[in-house]
Amino acid sequence: NSINYYNQKVDLYHMNGIFVEVFYHPVSSTIHEIATAEPNRLHLY
């Protein structure tokens, strides 16, 4: 799933037993961060 979060688009992926977030900034058209999702953030999706 994707969400909008603090002026960023954040995509959530599931991979090999972990959840990964990809933070994309649409104004600069850049990926800001790719990181394992914190369990306390999963409810956002």
PDB file of all heavy atoms in Angstrom:
ATOM      1  N   ASN A   1       0.844  -1.197   0.000  1.00  0.00           N
ATOM      2  CA  ASN A   1       0.000   0.000   0.000  1.00  0.00           C
ATOM      3  C   ASN A   1       0.879   1.246   0.000  1.00  0.00           C
ATOM      4  O   ASN A   1       2.065   1.179   0.305  1.00  0.00           O
ATOM      5  CB  ASN A   1      -0.898   0.002   1.239  1.00  0.00           C
ATOM      6  CG  ASN A   1      -2.101   0.902   1.103  1.00  0.00           C
ATOM      7  OD1 ASN A   1      -2.310   1.511   0.065  1.00  0.00           O
ATOM      8  ND2 ASN A   1      -2.909   0.980   2.154  1.00  0.00           N
ATOM      9  N   SER A   2       0.260   2.379  -0.328  1.00  0.00           N
ATOM     10  CA  SER A   2       0.919   3.691  -0.267  1.00  0.00           C
ATOM     11  C   SER A   2       0.119   4.615   0.626  1.00  0.00           C
ATOM     12  O   SER A   2      -1.108   4.511   0.696  1.00  0.00           O
ATOM     13  CB  SER A   2       0.984   4.335  -1.653  1.00  0.00           C
ATOM     14  OG  SER A   2       1.885   3.697  -2.469  1.00  0.00           O
ATOM     15  N   ILE A   3       0.833   5.527   1.268  1.00  0.00           N
ATOM     16  CA  ILE A   3       0.185   6.582   2.042  1.00  0.00           C
ATOM     17  C   ILE A   3       0.908   7.893   1.759  1.00  0.00           C
ATOM     18  O   ILE A   3       2.031   7.903   1.274  1.00  0.00           O
ATOM     19  CB  ILE A   3       0.215   6.301   3.564  1.00  0.00           C
ATOM     20  CG1 ILE A   3       1.656   6.183   4.071  1.00  0.00           C
ATOM     21  CG2 ILE A   3      -0.617   5.085   3.913  1.00  0.00           C
ATOM     22  CD1 ILE A   3       1.778   6.128   5.596  1.00  0.00           C
ATOM     23  N   ASN A   4       0.237   8.987   2.057  1.00  0.00           N
ATOM     24  CA  ASN A   4       0.882  10.299   2.066  1.00  0.00           C
ATOM     25  C   ASN A   4       1.223  10.606   3.512  1.00  0.00           C
ATOM     26  O   ASN A   4       0.373  10.493   4.394  1.00  0.00           O
ATOM     27  CB  ASN A   4      -0.039  11.364   1.491  1.00  0.00           C
ATOM     28  CG  ASN A   4      -0.240  11.175   0.013  1.00  0.00           C
ATOM     29  OD1 ASN A   4       0.708  10.896  -0.714  1.00  0.00           O
ATOM     30  ND2 ASN A   4      -1.466  11.302  -0.444  1.00  0.00           N
ATOM     31  N   TYR A   5       2.481  10.990   3.749  1.00  0.00           N
ATOM     32  CA  TYR A   5       2.958  11.183   5.112  1.00  0.00           C
ATOM     33  C   TYR A   5       3.936  12.352   5.123  1.00  0.00           C
ATOM     34  O   TYR A   5       5.030  12.246   4.542  1.00  0.00           O
ATOM     35  CB  TYR A   5       3.643   9.883   5.585  1.00  0.00           C
ATOM     36  CG  TYR A   5       4.030   9.847   7.024  1.00  0.00           C
ATOM     37  CD1 TYR A   5       3.080   9.671   8.020  1.00  0.00           C
ATOM     38  CD2 TYR A   5       5.358   9.977   7.402  1.00  0.00           C
ATOM     39  CE1 TYR A   5       3.446   9.616   9.350  1.00  0.00           C
ATOM     40  CE2 TYR A   5       5.737   9.921   8.730  1.00  0.00           C
ATOM     41  CZ  TYR A   5       4.767   9.747   9.702  1.00  0.00           C
ATOM     42  OH  TYR A   5       5.125   9.694  11.018  1.00  0.00           O
ATOM     43  N   TYR A   6       3.551  13.440   5.730  1.00  0.00           N
ATOM     44  CA  TYR A   6       4.395  14.633   5.822  1.00  0.00           C
ATOM     45  C   TYR A   6       4.984  15.030   4.459  1.00  0.00           C
ATOM     46  O   TYR A   6       6.205  15.098   4.284  1.00  0.00           O
ATOM     47  CB  TYR A   6       5.520  14.455   6.846  1.00  0.00           C
ATOM     48  CG  TYR A   6       5.026  14.409   8.266  1.00  0.00           C
ATOM     49  CD1 TYR A   6       4.898  13.203   8.928  1.00  0.00           C
ATOM     50  CD2 TYR A   6       4.688  15.580   8.931  1.00  0.00           C
ATOM     51  CE1 TYR A   6       4.441  13.154  10.230  1.00  0.00           C
ATOM     52  CE2 TYR A   6       4.235  15.536  10.237  1.00  0.00           C
ATOM     53  CZ  TYR A   6       4.108  14.328  10.879  1.00  0.00           C
ATOM     54  OH  TYR A   6       3.650  14.285  12.181  1.00  0.00           O
ATOM     55  N   ASN A   7       4.110  15.284   3.507  1.00  0.00           N
ATOM     56  CA  ASN A   7       4.478  15.728   2.159  1.00  0.00           C
ATOM     57  C   ASN A   7       5.322  14.723   1.383  1.00  0.00           C
ATOM     58  O   ASN A   7       6.008  15.087   0.441  1.00  0.00           O
ATOM     59  CB  ASN A   7       5.200  17.082   2.196  1.00  0.00           C
ATOM     60  CG  ASN A   7       4.327  18.166   2.763  1.00  0.00           C
ATOM     61  OD1 ASN A   7       3.134  18.218   2.468  1.00  0.00           O
ATOM     62  ND2 ASN A   7       4.890  19.023   3.594  1.00  0.00           N
ATOM     63  N   GLN A   8       5.290  13.471   1.790  1.00  0.00           N
ATOM     64  CA  GLN A   8       5.988  12.422   1.068  1.00  0.00           C
ATOM     65  C   GLN A   8       4.996  11.319   0.731  1.00  0.00           C
ATOM     66  O   GLN A   8       3.984  11.141   1.406  1.00  0.00           O
ATOM     67  CB  GLN A   8       7.104  11.816   1.921  1.00  0.00           C
ATOM     68  CG  GLN A   8       8.219  12.770   2.250  1.00  0.00           C
ATOM     69  CD  GLN A   8       9.306  12.069   3.023  1.00  0.00           C
ATOM     70  OE1 GLN A   8      10.118  11.367   2.446  1.00  0.00           O
ATOM     71  NE2 GLN A   8       9.306  12.253   4.336  1.00  0.00           N
ATOM     72  N   LYS A   9       5.298  10.578  -0.308  1.00  0.00           N
ATOM     73  CA  LYS A   9       4.559   9.359  -0.607  1.00  0.00           C
ATOM     74  C   LYS A   9       5.392   8.225  -0.033  1.00  0.00           C
ATOM     75  O   LYS A   9       6.602   8.141  -0.290  1.00  0.00           O
ATOM     76  CB  LYS A   9       4.395   9.181  -2.109  1.00  0.00           C
ATOM     77  CG  LYS A   9       3.677   7.917  -2.473  1.00  0.00           C
ATOM     78  CD  LYS A   9       3.612   7.749  -3.978  1.00  0.00           C
ATOM     79  CE  LYS A   9       3.004   6.390  -4.271  1.00  0.00           C
ATOM     80  NZ  LYS A   9       3.352   5.925  -5.590  1.00  0.00           N
ATOM     81  N   VAL A  10       4.778   7.374   0.744  1.00  0.00           N
ATOM     82  CA  VAL A  10       5.491   6.262   1.365  1.00  0.00           C
ATOM     83  C   VAL A  10       4.835   4.963   0.910  1.00  0.00           C
ATOM     84  O   VAL A  10       3.642   4.757   1.104  1.00  0.00           O
ATOM     85  CB  VAL A  10       5.481   6.351   2.906  1.00  0.00           C
ATOM     86  CG1 VAL A  10       6.360   5.262   3.505  1.00  0.00           C
ATOM     87  CG2 VAL A  10       5.921   7.720   3.382  1.00  0.00           C
ATOM     88  N   ASP A  11       5.632   4.114   0.274  1.00  0.00           N
ATOM     89  CA  ASP A  11       5.168   2.803  -0.172  1.00  0.00           C
ATOM     90  C   ASP A  11       5.615   1.757   0.830  1.00  0.00           C
ATOM     91  O   ASP A  11       6.750   1.792   1.316  1.00  0.00           O
ATOM     92  CB  ASP A  11       5.754   2.442  -1.534  1.00  0.00           C
ATOM     93  CG  ASP A  11       5.238   3.318  -2.655  1.00  0.00           C
ATOM     94  OD1 ASP A  11       4.175   3.943  -2.494  1.00  0.00           O
ATOM     95  OD2 ASP A  11       5.899   3.380  -3.706  1.00  0.00           O
ATOM     96  N   LEU A  12       4.732   0.818   1.108  1.00  0.00           N
ATOM     97  CA  LEU A  12       5.045  -0.287   2.013  1.00  0.00           C
ATOM     98  C   LEU A  12       5.146  -1.571   1.205  1.00  0.00           C
ATOM     99  O   LEU A  12       4.277  -1.873   0.389  1.00  0.00           O
ATOM    100  CB  LEU A  12       3.972  -0.434   3.086  1.00  0.00           C
ATOM    101  CG  LEU A  12       4.203  -1.529   4.132  1.00  0.00           C
ATOM    102  CD1 LEU A  12       5.381  -1.176   5.034  1.00  0.00           C
ATOM    103  CD2 LEU A  12       2.949  -1.757   4.967  1.00  0.00           C
ATOM    104  N   TYR A  13       6.227  -2.311   1.441  1.00  0.00           N
ATOM    105  CA  TYR A  13       6.462  -3.599   0.787  1.00  0.00           C
ATOM    106  C   TYR A  13       6.675  -4.658   1.853  1.00  0.00           C
ATOM    107  O   TYR A  13       7.162  -4.367   2.947  1.00  0.00           O
ATOM    108  CB  TYR A  13       7.728  -3.541  -0.081  1.00  0.00           C
ATOM    109  CG  TYR A  13       7.598  -2.660  -1.285  1.00  0.00           C
ATOM    110  CD1 TYR A  13       7.803  -1.290  -1.185  1.00  0.00           C
ATOM    111  CD2 TYR A  13       7.274  -3.185  -2.530  1.00  0.00           C
ATOM    112  CE1 TYR A  13       7.691  -0.466  -2.291  1.00  0.00           C
ATOM    113  CE2 TYR A  13       7.160  -2.371  -3.645  1.00  0.00           C
ATOM    114  CZ  TYR A  13       7.367  -1.014  -3.520  1.00  0.00           C
ATOM    115  OH  TYR A  13       7.254  -0.206  -4.615  1.00  0.00           O
ATOM    116  N   HIS A  14       6.321  -5.895   1.508  1.00  0.00           N
ATOM    117  CA  HIS A  14       6.628  -7.039   2.363  1.00  0.00           C
ATOM    118  C   HIS A  14       7.656  -7.877   1.627  1.00  0.00           C
ATOM    119  O   HIS A  14       7.523  -8.132   0.425  1.00  0.00           O
ATOM    120  CB  HIS A  14       5.371  -7.871   2.639  1.00  0.00           C
ATOM    121  CG  HIS A  14       5.612  -8.969   3.614  1.00  0.00           C
ATOM    122  ND1 HIS A  14       5.773 -10.273   3.227  1.00  0.00           N
ATOM    123  CD2 HIS A  14       5.746  -8.948   4.956  1.00  0.00           C
ATOM    124  CE1 HIS A  14       5.981 -11.018   4.295  1.00  0.00           C
ATOM    125  NE2 HIS A  14       5.969 -10.242   5.352  1.00  0.00           N
ATOM    126  N   MET A  15       8.703  -8.280   2.359  1.00  0.00           N
ATOM    127  CA  MET A  15       9.794  -9.004   1.714  1.00  0.00           C
ATOM    128  C   MET A  15      10.489  -9.894   2.741  1.00  0.00           C
ATOM    129  O   MET A  15      10.968  -9.410   3.766  1.00  0.00           O
ATOM    130  CB  MET A  15      10.795  -7.998   1.140  1.00  0.00           C
ATOM    131  CG  MET A  15      12.008  -8.599   0.515  1.00  0.00           C
ATOM    132  SD  MET A  15      13.160  -7.346  -0.052  1.00  0.00           S
ATOM    133  CE  MET A  15      13.684  -6.640   1.503  1.00  0.00           C
ATOM    134  N   ASN A  16      10.524 -11.176   2.458  1.00  0.00           N
ATOM    135  CA  ASN A  16      11.278 -12.118   3.302  1.00  0.00           C
ATOM    136  C   ASN A  16      11.001 -11.943   4.788  1.00  0.00           C
ATOM    137  O   ASN A  16      11.923 -11.932   5.604  1.00  0.00           O
ATOM    138  CB  ASN A  16      12.779 -11.992   3.040  1.00  0.00           C
ATOM    139  CG  ASN A  16      13.155 -12.264   1.601  1.00  0.00           C
ATOM    140  OD1 ASN A  16      12.499 -13.050   0.932  1.00  0.00           O
ATOM    141  ND2 ASN A  16      14.189 -11.616   1.122  1.00  0.00           N
ATOM    142  N   GLY A  17       9.742 -11.769   5.148  1.00  0.00           N
ATOM    143  CA  GLY A  17       9.362 -11.673   6.555  1.00  0.00           C
ATOM    144  C   GLY A  17       9.508 -10.303   7.191  1.00  0.00           C
ATOM    145  O   GLY A  17       9.286 -10.167   8.390  1.00  0.00           O
ATOM    146  N   ILE A  18       9.887  -9.296   6.414  1.00  0.00           N
ATOM    147  CA  ILE A  18       9.987  -7.939   6.964  1.00  0.00           C
ATOM    148  C   ILE A  18       9.151  -6.988   6.120  1.00  0.00           C
ATOM    149  O   ILE A  18       8.796  -7.281   4.979  1.00  0.00           O
ATOM    150  CB  ILE A  18      11.446  -7.421   7.013  1.00  0.00           C
ATOM    151  CG1 ILE A  18      12.036  -7.322   5.605  1.00  0.00           C
ATOM    152  CG2 ILE A  18      12.302  -8.276   7.922  1.00  0.00           C
ATOM    153  CD1 ILE A  18      13.373  -6.585   5.552  1.00  0.00           C
ATOM    154  N   PHE A  19       8.825  -5.850   6.699  1.00  0.00           N
ATOM    155  CA  PHE A  19       8.143  -4.785   5.984  1.00  0.00           C
ATOM    156  C   PHE A  19       9.155  -3.678   5.723  1.00  0.00           C
ATOM    157  O   PHE A  19       9.948  -3.330   6.596  1.00  0.00           O
ATOM    158  CB  PHE A  19       6.967  -4.241   6.797  1.00  0.00           C
ATOM    159  CG  PHE A  19       5.843  -5.229   6.923  1.00  0.00           C
ATOM    160  CD1 PHE A  19       5.715  -6.016   8.046  1.00  0.00           C
ATOM    161  CD2 PHE A  19       4.919  -5.374   5.900  1.00  0.00           C
ATOM    162  CE1 PHE A  19       4.681  -6.930   8.169  1.00  0.00           C
ATOM    163  CE2 PHE A  19       3.890  -6.287   5.999  1.00  0.00           C
ATOM    164  CZ  PHE A  19       3.764  -7.066   7.134  1.00  0.00           C
ATOM    165  N   VAL A  20       9.120  -3.134   4.517  1.00  0.00           N
ATOM    166  CA  VAL A  20      10.071  -2.101   4.102  1.00  0.00           C
ATOM    167  C   VAL A  20       9.289  -0.889   3.611  1.00  0.00           C
ATOM    168  O   VAL A  20       8.322  -1.026   2.857  1.00  0.00           O
ATOM    169  CB  VAL A  20      10.993  -2.615   2.977  1.00  0.00           C
ATOM    170  CG1 VAL A  20      11.902  -1.514   2.475  1.00  0.00           C
ATOM    171  CG2 VAL A  20      11.812  -3.802   3.466  1.00  0.00           C
ATOM    172  N   GLU A  21       9.701   0.298   4.056  1.00  0.00           N
ATOM    173  CA  GLU A  21       9.096   1.545   3.612  1.00  0.00           C
ATOM    174  C   GLU A  21      10.036   2.251   2.637  1.00  0.00           C
ATOM    175  O   GLU A  21      11.242   2.302   2.859  1.00  0.00           O
ATOM    176  CB  GLU A  21       8.836   2.480   4.791  1.00  0.00           C
ATOM    177  CG  GLU A  21       7.749   1.988   5.716  1.00  0.00           C
ATOM    178  CD  GLU A  21       7.545   2.909   6.891  1.00  0.00           C
ATOM    179  OE1 GLU A  21       8.537   3.181   7.608  1.00  0.00           O
ATOM    180  OE2 GLU A  21       6.412   3.353   7.095  1.00  0.00           O
ATOM    181  N   VAL A  22       9.447   2.804   1.582  1.00  0.00           N
ATOM    182  CA  VAL A  22      10.177   3.609   0.609  1.00  0.00           C
ATOM    183  C   VAL A  22       9.572   5.011   0.663  1.00  0.00           C
ATOM    184  O   VAL A  22       8.400   5.199   0.344  1.00  0.00           O
ATOM    185  CB  VAL A  22      10.067   3.025  -0.811  1.00  0.00           C
ATOM    186  CG1 VAL A  22      10.780   3.926  -1.813  1.00  0.00           C
ATOM    187  CG2 VAL A  22      10.624   1.612  -0.863  1.00  0.00           C
ATOM    188  N   PHE A  23      10.378   5.980   1.098  1.00  0.00           N
ATOM    189  CA  PHE A  23       9.933   7.364   1.240  1.00  0.00           C
ATOM    190  C   PHE A  23      10.310   8.140  -0.023  1.00  0.00           C
ATOM    191  O   PHE A  23      11.490   8.315  -0.325  1.00  0.00           O
ATOM    192  CB  PHE A  23      10.602   8.014   2.449  1.00  0.00           C
ATOM    193  CG  PHE A  23      10.143   7.455   3.760  1.00  0.00           C
ATOM    194  CD1 PHE A  23      10.686   6.275   4.249  1.00  0.00           C
ATOM    195  CD2 PHE A  23       9.182   8.112   4.505  1.00  0.00           C
ATOM    196  CE1 PHE A  23      10.279   5.755   5.460  1.00  0.00           C
ATOM    197  CE2 PHE A  23       8.763   7.600   5.725  1.00  0.00           C
ATOM    198  CZ  PHE A  23       9.313   6.424   6.198  1.00  0.00           C
ATOM    199  N   TYR A  24       9.302   8.610  -0.742  1.00  0.00           N
ATOM    200  CA  TYR A  24       9.506   9.324  -2.003  1.00  0.00           C
ATOM    201  C   TYR A  24       9.030  10.763  -1.837  1.00  0.00           C
ATOM    202  O   TYR A  24       7.915  11.001  -1.387  1.00  0.00           O
ATOM    203  CB  TYR A  24       8.733   8.633  -3.123  1.00  0.00           C
ATOM    204  CG  TYR A  24       8.746   9.375  -4.430  1.00  0.00           C
ATOM    205  CD1 TYR A  24       9.880   9.369  -5.246  1.00  0.00           C
ATOM    206  CD2 TYR A  24       7.636  10.079  -4.853  1.00  0.00           C
ATOM    207  CE1 TYR A  24       9.894  10.060  -6.448  1.00  0.00           C
ATOM    208  CE2 TYR A  24       7.638  10.764  -6.059  1.00  0.00           C
ATOM    209  CZ  TYR A  24       8.773  10.754  -6.850  1.00  0.00           C
ATOM    210  OH  TYR A  24       8.785  11.427  -8.032  1.00  0.00           O
ATOM    211  N   HIS A  25       9.877  11.725  -2.198  1.00  0.00           N
ATOM    212  CA  HIS A  25       9.517  13.138  -2.118  1.00  0.00           C
ATOM    213  C   HIS A  25       9.120  13.617  -3.509  1.00  0.00           C
ATOM    214  O   HIS A  25       9.971  13.729  -4.390  1.00  0.00           O
ATOM    215  CB  HIS A  25      10.685  13.965  -1.575  1.00  0.00           C
ATOM    216  CG  HIS A  25      10.256  15.316  -1.132  1.00  0.00           C
ATOM    217  ND1 HIS A  25      10.132  16.372  -1.997  1.00  0.00           N
ATOM    218  CD2 HIS A  25       9.905  15.768   0.091  1.00  0.00           C
ATOM    219  CE1 HIS A  25       9.733  17.432  -1.337  1.00  0.00           C
ATOM    220  NE2 HIS A  25       9.583  17.088  -0.062  1.00  0.00           N
ATOM    221  N   PRO A  26       7.827  13.890  -3.744  1.00  0.00           N
ATOM    222  CA  PRO A  26       7.365  14.225  -5.098  1.00  0.00           C
ATOM    223  C   PRO A  26       7.865  15.566  -5.637  1.00  0.00           C
ATOM    224  O   PRO A  26       8.010  15.719  -6.844  1.00  0.00           O
ATOM    225  CB  PRO A  26       5.839  14.227  -4.970  1.00  0.00           C
ATOM    226  CG  PRO A  26       5.564  14.401  -3.524  1.00  0.00           C
ATOM    227  CD  PRO A  26       6.737  13.838  -2.786  1.00  0.00           C
ATOM    228  N   VAL A  27       8.173  16.521  -4.796  1.00  0.00           N
ATOM    229  CA  VAL A  27       8.642  17.822  -5.266  1.00  0.00           C
ATOM    230  C   VAL A  27      10.035  17.687  -5.874  1.00  0.00           C
ATOM    231  O   VAL A  27      10.322  18.208  -6.956  1.00  0.00           O
ATOM    232  CB  VAL A  27       8.636  18.868  -4.128  1.00  0.00           C
ATOM    233  CG1 VAL A  27       9.255  20.167  -4.586  1.00  0.00           C
ATOM    234  CG2 VAL A  27       7.215  19.103  -3.632  1.00  0.00           C
ATOM    235  N   SER A  28      10.912  16.961  -5.211  1.00  0.00           N
ATOM    236  CA  SER A  28      12.270  16.787  -5.716  1.00  0.00           C
ATOM    237  C   SER A  28      12.419  15.529  -6.582  1.00  0.00           C
ATOM    238  O   SER A  28      13.478  15.289  -7.150  1.00  0.00           O
ATOM    239  CB  SER A  28      13.267  16.719  -4.563  1.00  0.00           C
ATOM    240  OG  SER A  28      12.987  15.592  -3.751  1.00  0.00           O
ATOM    241  N   SER A  29      11.360  14.737  -6.672  1.00  0.00           N
ATOM    242  CA  SER A  29      11.369  13.477  -7.437  1.00  0.00           C
ATOM    243  C   SER A  29      12.518  12.560  -7.027  1.00  0.00           C
ATOM    244  O   SER A  29      13.210  11.975  -7.854  1.00  0.00           O
ATOM    245  CB  SER A  29      11.451  13.753  -8.940  1.00  0.00           C
ATOM    246  OG  SER A  29      10.319  14.456  -9.360  1.00  0.00           O
ATOM    247  N   THR A  30      12.725  12.455  -5.721  1.00  0.00           N
ATOM    248  CA  THR A  30      13.794  11.605  -5.206  1.00  0.00           C
ATOM    249  C   THR A  30      13.279  10.682  -4.107  1.00  0.00           C
ATOM    250  O   THR A  30      12.335  11.010  -3.392  1.00  0.00           O
ATOM    251  CB  THR A  30      14.960  12.430  -4.628  1.00  0.00           C
ATOM    252  OG1 THR A  30      14.441  13.274  -3.586  1.00  0.00           O
ATOM    253  CG2 THR A  30      15.624  13.279  -5.689  1.00  0.00           C
ATOM    254  N   ILE A  31      13.938   9.547  -4.002  1.00  0.00           N
ATOM    255  CA  ILE A  31      13.670   8.654  -2.881  1.00  0.00           C
ATOM    256  C   ILE A  31      14.518   9.133  -1.716  1.00  0.00           C
ATOM    257  O   ILE A  31      15.740   9.208  -1.813  1.00  0.00           O
ATOM    258  CB  ILE A  31      13.983   7.199  -3.247  1.00  0.00           C
ATOM    259  CG1 ILE A  31      13.010   6.722  -4.321  1.00  0.00           C
ATOM    260  CG2 ILE A  31      13.921   6.306  -2.012  1.00  0.00           C
ATOM    261  CD1 ILE A  31      13.266   5.336  -4.840  1.00  0.00           C
ATOM    262  N   HIS A  32      13.855   9.476  -0.635  1.00  0.00           N
ATOM    263  CA  HIS A  32      14.527  10.020   0.549  1.00  0.00           C
ATOM    264  C   HIS A  32      15.135   8.913   1.409  1.00  0.00           C
ATOM    265  O   HIS A  32      16.210   9.074   1.988  1.00  0.00           O
ATOM    266  CB  HIS A  32      13.527  10.849   1.345  1.00  0.00           C
ATOM    267  CG  HIS A  32      14.028  11.357   2.643  1.00  0.00           C
ATOM    268  ND1 HIS A  32      14.978  12.340   2.754  1.00  0.00           N
ATOM    269  CD2 HIS A  32      13.715  11.012   3.911  1.00  0.00           C
ATOM    270  CE1 HIS A  32      15.221  12.584   4.019  1.00  0.00           C
ATOM    271  NE2 HIS A  32      14.482  11.780   4.751  1.00  0.00           N
ATOM    272  N   GLU A  33      14.420   7.778   1.482  1.00  0.00           N
ATOM    273  CA  GLU A  33      14.898   6.711   2.369  1.00  0.00           C
ATOM    274  C   GLU A  33      14.241   5.393   1.991  1.00  0.00           C
ATOM    275  O   GLU A  33      13.090   5.361   1.562  1.00  0.00           O
ATOM    276  CB  GLU A  33      14.549   7.058   3.819  1.00  0.00           C
ATOM    277  CG  GLU A  33      15.015   6.060   4.833  1.00  0.00           C
ATOM    278  CD  GLU A  33      14.666   6.452   6.267  1.00  0.00           C
ATOM    279  OE1 GLU A  33      13.931   7.429   6.472  1.00  0.00           O
ATOM    280  OE2 GLU A  33      15.126   5.749   7.166  1.00  0.00           O
ATOM    281  N   ILE A  34      14.976   4.307   2.156  1.00  0.00           N
ATOM    282  CA  ILE A  34      14.446   2.945   2.068  1.00  0.00           C
ATOM    283  C   ILE A  34      14.895   2.255   3.350  1.00  0.00           C
ATOM    284  O   ILE A  34      16.096   2.145   3.607  1.00  0.00           O
ATOM    285  CB  ILE A  34      15.002   2.188   0.844  1.00  0.00           C
ATOM    286  CG1 ILE A  34      14.661   2.918  -0.449  1.00  0.00           C
ATOM    287  CG2 ILE A  34      14.464   0.757   0.825  1.00  0.00           C
ATOM    288  CD1 ILE A  34      15.303   2.314  -1.682  1.00  0.00           C
ATOM    289  N   ALA A  35      13.921   1.838   4.157  1.00  0.00           N
ATOM    290  CA  ALA A  35      14.276   1.283   5.466  1.00  0.00           C
ATOM    291  C   ALA A  35      13.218   0.306   5.948  1.00  0.00           C
ATOM    292  O   ALA A  35      12.057   0.373   5.543  1.00  0.00           O
ATOM    293  CB  ALA A  35      14.435   2.406   6.483  1.00  0.00           C
ATOM    294  N   THR A  36      13.648  -0.571   6.834  1.00  0.00           N
ATOM    295  CA  THR A  36      12.720  -1.478   7.490  1.00  0.00           C
ATOM    296  C   THR A  36      11.687  -0.659   8.255  1.00  0.00           C
ATOM    297  O   THR A  36      12.031   0.289   8.960  1.00  0.00           O
ATOM    298  CB  THR A  36      13.484  -2.398   8.463  1.00  0.00           C
ATOM    299  OG1 THR A  36      14.518  -3.063   7.749  1.00  0.00           O
ATOM    300  CG2 THR A  36      12.563  -3.409   9.098  1.00  0.00           C
ATOM    301  N   ALA A  37      10.425  -1.031   8.098  1.00  0.00           N
ATOM    302  CA  ALA A  37       9.340  -0.310   8.766  1.00  0.00           C
ATOM    303  C   ALA A  37       9.312  -0.640  10.252  1.00  0.00           C
ATOM    304  O   ALA A  37       9.465  -1.798  10.645  1.00  0.00           O
ATOM    305  CB  ALA A  37       8.003  -0.669   8.132  1.00  0.00           C
ATOM    306  N   GLU A  38       9.131   0.378  11.047  1.00  0.00           N
ATOM    307  CA  GLU A  38       8.950   0.175  12.481  1.00  0.00           C
ATOM    308  C   GLU A  38       7.564  -0.447  12.704  1.00  0.00           C
ATOM    309  O   GLU A  38       6.578   0.004  12.108  1.00  0.00           O
ATOM    310  CB  GLU A  38       9.031   1.511  13.228  1.00  0.00           C
ATOM    311  CG  GLU A  38      10.390   2.163  13.167  1.00  0.00           C
ATOM    312  CD  GLU A  38      11.442   1.389  13.934  1.00  0.00           C
ATOM    313  OE1 GLU A  38      11.102   0.716  14.914  1.00  0.00           O
ATOM    314  OE2 GLU A  38      12.616   1.449  13.517  1.00  0.00           O
ATOM    315  N   PRO A  39       7.461  -1.473  13.528  1.00  0.00           N
ATOM    316  CA  PRO A  39       6.169  -2.126  13.748  1.00  0.00           C
ATOM    317  C   PRO A  39       5.066  -1.174  14.202  1.00  0.00           C
ATOM    318  O   PRO A  39       3.909  -1.353  13.839  1.00  0.00           O
ATOM    319  CB  PRO A  39       6.478  -3.163  14.837  1.00  0.00           C
ATOM    320  CG  PRO A  39       7.931  -3.447  14.684  1.00  0.00           C
ATOM    321  CD  PRO A  39       8.552  -2.146  14.244  1.00  0.00           C
ATOM    322  N   ASN A  40       5.417  -0.134  14.944  1.00  0.00           N
ATOM    323  CA  ASN A  40       4.404   0.799  15.433  1.00  0.00           C
ATOM    324  C   ASN A  40       3.882   1.726  14.329  1.00  0.00           C
ATOM    325  O   ASN A  40       2.984   2.521  14.574  1.00  0.00           O
ATOM    326  CB  ASN A  40       4.935   1.612  16.618  1.00  0.00           C
ATOM    327  CG  ASN A  40       6.103   2.501  16.241  1.00  0.00           C
ATOM    328  OD1 ASN A  40       6.738   2.317  15.201  1.00  0.00           O
ATOM    329  ND2 ASN A  40       6.402   3.457  17.099  1.00  0.00           N
ATOM    330  N   ARG A  41       4.411   1.648  13.102  1.00  0.00           N
ATOM    331  CA  ARG A  41       3.933   2.463  11.986  1.00  0.00           C
ATOM    332  C   ARG A  41       3.024   1.681  11.031  1.00  0.00           C
ATOM    333  O   ARG A  41       2.391   2.261  10.162  1.00  0.00           O
ATOM    334  CB  ARG A  41       5.119   3.016  11.182  1.00  0.00           C
ATOM    335  CG  ARG A  41       5.936   4.038  11.930  1.00  0.00           C
ATOM    336  CD  ARG A  41       7.129   4.510  11.137  1.00  0.00           C
ATOM    337  NE  ARG A  41       6.861   4.799   9.747  1.00  0.00           N
ATOM    338  CZ  ARG A  41       6.280   5.917   9.287  1.00  0.00           C
ATOM    339  NH1 ARG A  41       5.909   6.854  10.124  1.00  0.00           N
ATOM    340  NH2 ARG A  41       6.084   6.091   7.999  1.00  0.00           N
ATOM    341  N   LEU A  42       2.976   0.374  11.160  1.00  0.00           N
ATOM    342  CA  LEU A  42       2.238  -0.446  10.208  1.00  0.00           C
ATOM    343  C   LEU A  42       0.748  -0.138  10.177  1.00  0.00           C
ATOM    344  O   LEU A  42       0.109  -0.276   9.133  1.00  0.00           O
ATOM    345  CB  LEU A  42       2.474  -1.931  10.481  1.00  0.00           C
ATOM    346  CG  LEU A  42       3.914  -2.410  10.294  1.00  0.00           C
ATOM    347  CD1 LEU A  42       4.025  -3.883  10.632  1.00  0.00           C
ATOM    348  CD2 LEU A  42       4.409  -2.132   8.883  1.00  0.00           C
ATOM    349  N   HIS A  43       0.199   0.308  11.288  1.00  0.00           N
ATOM    350  CA  HIS A  43      -1.224   0.634  11.323  1.00  0.00           C
ATOM    351  C   HIS A  43      -1.584   1.784  10.372  1.00  0.00           C
ATOM    352  O   HIS A  43      -2.735   1.938   9.985  1.00  0.00           O
ATOM    353  CB  HIS A  43      -1.657   0.989  12.748  1.00  0.00           C
ATOM    354  CG  HIS A  43      -1.168   2.336  13.192  1.00  0.00           C
ATOM    355  ND1 HIS A  43       0.117   2.523  13.645  1.00  0.00           N
ATOM    356  CD2 HIS A  43      -1.767   3.545  13.205  1.00  0.00           C
ATOM    357  CE1 HIS A  43       0.281   3.807  13.943  1.00  0.00           C
ATOM    358  NE2 HIS A  43      -0.842   4.449  13.675  1.00  0.00           N
ATOM    359  N   LEU A  44      -0.609   2.579   9.975  1.00  0.00           N
ATOM    360  CA  LEU A  44      -0.869   3.690   9.057  1.00  0.00           C
ATOM    361  C   LEU A  44      -1.313   3.195   7.684  1.00  0.00           C
ATOM    362  O   LEU A  44      -1.979   3.907   6.947  1.00  0.00           O
ATOM    363  CB  LEU A  44       0.389   4.555   8.895  1.00  0.00           C
ATOM    364  CG  LEU A  44       0.922   5.220  10.156  1.00  0.00           C
ATOM    365  CD1 LEU A  44       2.270   5.872   9.871  1.00  0.00           C
ATOM    366  CD2 LEU A  44      -0.076   6.236  10.677  1.00  0.00           C
ATOM    367  N   TYR A  45      -0.957   1.993   7.328  1.00  0.00           N
ATOM    368  CA  TYR A  45      -1.235   1.453   6.005  1.00  0.00           C
ATOM    369  C   TYR A  45      -2.543   0.680   5.908  1.00  0.00           C
ATOM    370  O   TYR A  45      -3.067   0.500   4.816  1.00  0.00           O
ATOM    371  CB  TYR A  45      -0.092   0.535   5.559  1.00  0.00           C
ATOM    372  CG  TYR A  45       1.200   1.283   5.409  1.00  0.00           C
ATOM    373  CD1 TYR A  45       2.106   1.368   6.460  1.00  0.00           C
ATOM    374  CD2 TYR A  45       1.512   1.936   4.229  1.00  0.00           C
ATOM    375  CE1 TYR A  45       3.291   2.070   6.335  1.00  0.00           C
ATOM    376  CE2 TYR A  45       2.690   2.649   4.094  1.00  0.00           C
ATOM    377  CZ  TYR A  45       3.567   2.709   5.153  1.00  0.00           C
ATOM    378  OH  TYR A  45       4.739   3.417   5.018  1.00  0.00           O
TER     379      TYR A  45
END
